[in-house]
Structure formats: structure tokens, C-alpha cells
């Protein structure tokens, strides 16, 4: 690929999975005001495998016997059980807690999913995360990514890619998500260039393509996704930024454009392809439409984000 957009390649190791799990641990450790008022005391339950929890677990069990419907006690006990590998006990406590809440929460669903996954039951883990779709709570991007990871482990590659797409709508600048979704597209055999603008995957009636080492993209679809206004008349494309009035003028068949009244060269001429869409080099988008553009080689993924 010759254009000077920033190219991203795959990192060694499964960095996405590690980082997603770290973010989920943060989600678990932080209070949400519903049944946990803050971080656990002295970080005592902060990480799986924490030592010296047996005494604390006994204290919590004793308190819970006196107040069996105390949601804060149930939550702390569930986390402590998980951290010492008592997954069945953690699941039992979480299920009881779930029944006391008005709707599913990301914290409970994530911890349940982690416990089921640790037991080797990925289907049950997925089922817990799916409950969040019925909840009015905003679902963190890491939860969608975790769903995708679980589905990939189950061989559900197409579905895993869809979850990663959802994750990107929440985390549109997450490079690891673009790398992973590119890998999934390759595994699923999805060909062609895929374009995301501000985390949303665009659909085209005229697909982007690579020609002579340059990626050609439909200018109207990308410009409008960036919130720009596009007008086409007699072979002239005028793009206007409504925020500042700046204009970009492209003429079909010419390898130059006018940007704010200044002439700018294009790597290749703007041209019309069926069914009547004007395509331009991707590099022009990154340099003249106020967006950053990253290219991820695996899966041929393009990430366009407003700067």
C-alpha cells in the first residue's frame, strides 16, 4: 500500500484479550452506586488469586447469614470466591444478587461470565453477557469485545466479528479492536476493503478497492459520515464543512482538488464508478477532510476518525 496513511500491523501475542480482561477487572473493582459504594477496602479483592482472603470470606459469610439479602455483602463475597477459585460459590452468590436487582448490570454479568469461562462453560458465559442487551444500562465496549473473544473460542467467527463491530461503536479509536476484527474477517474469508468512520462500519453500493497500490474510496459516503455536506453537479463534487464553511472541490477526471481555495494534487484522478459514485484516493481523506486514517493490513481494514 503506497499511500501515506498510518499503517498498523498485528502485535505479537493476544494483547487484546489481556487488555479486555484488565478493563473488565477495573469494571468489577469500581463502584457503580447501586450495590457497591466504592472500591473494595485496601484493594483486597482487586485481582484474581489474591491471598489471605479465607479469613475475610469467613467474616463475609457470617455477616451474610445475618443479612441474607444484603447486595453489597453478596457482591463482595462473590468477588472473593472468584479470586480464590471457588467458582460455583461465586456463581451461586451472583445468581442470588441478580435476583435482587431491578435489571442486569455489566458488573454482575461480567463476573458471572468470567466464572463460567473459568469452569470451561463458554456457552453459559455468553448467555450471561447476552442478558445485558435487555438492560437499560449502557454496555461498555470491553463487554462486546469479551463476547467476541468467547465466540471466537467457540468457533463462531462471523458472530465474533459482529461483536467486535459493536465494540468499535463504543471505542472507535481502539487500535487493538481494529487489529482483532481484521483477523476475524480473514478467518471468516471476508474479502475487500472495510471502512469504519468514527467506529461505525460503512456499507457501500460501490465498494472501496485497491488499484495500483492505492485504496480508492467513495467520497460522498465517507464525507457524509464525517458530518460534511456533499453536492454533485456536472462532474464537480463540492464538500462543505458546516462548522467552519471550509470547502473542498473535486472535478471528475482531474488529479487535483481545491481545498480552501488552494490547489492540491491527488495521487490519482477522481473518477466515477458504477452505479455513479465518485471515488478518490484514501490518502486525500486523511490530508484534507479533517480526519485521521489508519490502515490495518490484516483483513484490509480502514479506520477513519475525526481529529
Foldseek 3Di string as FASTA:
>chain_A
DPFPAAEDEDDPDLVLVVVLVVVLLVVQQADDPPQDDGGDPPCQLSAAQRPPCPVVLVVLVVVCVVVVQRLNSLSVNLSSCRSPPVLVSSLVSLVSSCVNDPADDSNSLQSNLVSCVVVVNLVVNLVSLVSCVVPPDDHALSSLQVNLVSCVVVVNLVVSLVSLLVSCLRVVPDPSSLQVSLQSCVVVVPDAAWEDESSHTDDDPDGWDADPNFIKDQPVRNLVSVVWDWDDDPQKIWIADVVPGWIKIAGAPAQWIATSNDIDGFPGHFHADPPGTTIGTPSCCCVGSQWRWYFYPRNGYIRTYHD
